[in-house]
Protein backbone atom coordinates (compact mmCIF):
# COMPACT_ATOMS: atom_id res chain seq x y z
CA MET A 1 91.66 120.09 141.35
CA THR A 2 90.29 122.47 143.88
CA PRO A 3 90.01 121.70 147.58
CA GLU A 4 86.25 122.02 147.01
CA ALA A 5 86.32 118.89 144.86
CA ASN A 6 87.86 116.80 147.63
CA LYS A 7 85.09 117.54 150.14
CA VAL A 8 83.38 114.35 148.91
CA PHE A 9 86.12 112.17 150.45
CA GLY A 10 85.00 109.95 153.30
CA VAL A 11 82.59 107.22 154.33
CA TRP A 12 78.90 107.43 153.41
CA LEU A 13 75.76 105.51 154.46
CA ASN A 14 72.82 105.19 152.05
CA GLU A 15 69.31 106.31 152.96
CA ASP A 16 68.10 102.72 153.56
CA LYS A 17 71.03 102.28 155.96
CA ASP A 18 71.96 98.99 154.29
CA ALA A 19 75.16 100.01 152.48
CA LYS A 20 78.29 101.94 153.35
CA MET A 21 80.84 103.21 150.85
CA GLU A 22 84.09 105.11 150.86
CA ILE A 23 84.78 107.76 148.23
CA PHE A 24 88.40 108.26 147.26
CA LYS A 25 90.50 109.68 144.47
CA SER A 26 92.99 108.01 142.16
CA GLY A 27 94.80 110.25 139.71
CA ASN A 28 92.28 112.97 138.87
CA LYS A 29 89.19 110.70 139.07
CA TYR A 30 86.85 109.82 141.94
CA PHE A 31 85.78 106.29 142.93
CA GLY A 32 83.52 104.55 145.43
CA ARG A 33 84.32 101.31 147.26
CA LEU A 34 81.73 99.15 149.05
CA LEU A 35 82.76 98.86 152.70
CA TRP A 36 79.65 97.14 154.04
CA GLY A 37 76.21 96.07 152.88
CA SER A 38 73.34 94.02 154.25
CA GLY A 39 73.27 91.82 151.15
CA ILE A 40 76.96 91.18 150.54
CA TYR A 41 77.45 88.07 152.69
CA GLU A 42 76.49 84.43 152.28
CA LYS A 43 73.86 83.00 154.65
CA ASP A 44 76.57 82.31 157.24
CA GLY A 45 76.94 86.10 157.66
CA LYS A 46 80.74 85.90 157.31
CA THR A 47 81.62 84.82 153.78
CA PRO A 48 81.45 87.71 151.28
CA LEU A 49 79.31 87.07 148.21
CA LYS A 50 81.10 86.81 144.88
CA ASP A 51 80.43 89.03 141.87
CA THR A 52 78.75 86.10 140.05
CA LYS A 53 76.63 88.21 137.65
CA ASN A 54 79.55 90.19 136.27
CA PRO A 55 79.54 90.12 132.44
CA ASP A 56 83.32 89.54 132.56
CA PRO A 57 83.86 85.87 133.57
CA LYS A 58 87.32 86.73 134.99
CA LEU A 59 85.70 89.01 137.61
CA ARG A 60 83.03 86.58 138.83
CA THR A 61 85.21 85.19 141.61
CA ARG A 62 86.00 88.56 143.22
CA THR A 63 84.10 89.43 146.38
CA ARG A 64 81.63 92.29 146.64
CA LEU A 65 83.21 93.46 149.89
CA ASN A 66 85.61 96.36 149.19
CA MET A 67 84.71 96.21 145.50
CA VAL A 68 85.03 99.47 143.56
CA PHE A 69 81.50 99.89 142.20
CA MET A 70 81.64 103.56 141.25
CA SER A 71 84.40 104.75 138.95
CA ASP A 72 85.90 107.46 136.77
CA LEU A 73 83.96 110.47 138.05
CA SER A 74 85.37 113.90 137.17
CA TYR A 75 84.71 117.06 139.17
CA ASP A 76 83.34 120.04 137.29
CA ASP A 77 81.53 123.06 138.68
CA GLY A 78 80.12 121.42 141.81
CA GLU A 79 79.25 118.03 140.27
CA TYR A 80 81.03 114.74 139.75
CA THR A 81 80.09 113.47 136.30
CA GLY A 82 81.07 111.08 133.53
CA GLY A 83 81.40 108.09 135.81
CA LYS A 84 80.11 104.53 135.91
CA LEU A 85 78.06 102.77 138.57
CA TYR A 86 78.18 98.97 138.73
CA ASP A 87 75.32 96.98 140.30
CA ALA A 88 76.64 93.55 141.38
CA ARG A 89 73.10 92.28 142.04
CA SER A 90 72.23 92.55 138.33
CA GLY A 91 75.66 92.71 136.68
CA ARG A 92 74.66 95.97 134.97
CA THR A 93 76.67 99.15 134.64
CA TYR A 94 75.01 102.56 134.59
CA SER A 95 76.18 106.09 133.97
CA ALA A 96 76.70 107.96 137.23
CA LYS A 97 76.93 111.42 138.67
CA LEU A 98 77.21 112.80 142.19
CA LYS A 99 76.38 116.08 143.81
CA LEU A 100 77.36 117.15 147.29
CA LYS A 101 74.20 118.85 148.63
CA SER A 102 75.80 119.81 151.95
CA VAL A 103 78.85 118.79 153.97
CA ASN A 104 76.99 115.68 155.15
CA THR A 105 74.57 114.94 152.28
CA LEU A 106 75.42 113.42 148.92
CA GLU A 107 73.16 112.55 146.00
CA MET A 108 74.18 109.71 143.68
CA ARG A 109 72.32 109.32 140.39
CA GLY A 110 72.54 106.21 138.23
CA TYR A 111 70.97 106.18 134.77
CA PHE A 112 70.89 104.71 131.27
CA GLY A 113 71.19 107.26 128.49
CA LEU A 114 69.59 110.45 129.79
CA SER A 115 70.08 111.47 133.40
CA LEU A 116 66.36 112.22 133.46
CA LEU A 117 65.70 108.46 133.17
CA GLY A 118 67.48 107.38 136.30
CA GLN A 119 67.30 106.98 140.05
CA THR A 120 68.81 109.13 142.78
CA VAL A 121 69.96 107.76 146.13
CA LYS A 122 70.83 110.01 149.05
CA TRP A 123 73.82 109.23 151.22
CA THR A 124 74.77 110.66 154.62
CA ARG A 125 78.34 111.16 155.78
CA VAL A 126 79.44 108.79 158.54
CA THR A 127 81.17 110.65 161.34
CA GLU A 128 83.09 108.53 163.82
């Protein structure tokens, strides 16, 4: 892996400012973990929601907080491809790819089948 590939590491805030994720590496693959989200707590604002719509019954009791929702991305020629993106709200898994547009801007695309038939979300690096 090149140092260029690791520039994606860090904490990112989505364009709606209602979700924050951390991108990290395990082995030679890249992953995203949900650190915060406006819709990940029960009505009391403290208890994390469970992953109740997961197709795997064994995973339905895990919390959404700190859940790895993006997995198995590989870096190749400026893009992170071949990964999966899990949506806990629907229980669906999509194909995923990422592209670092600048040091502080990241595009995440989730899609079924062809990348053309998907949705892109922009994320901004959180600097603290």
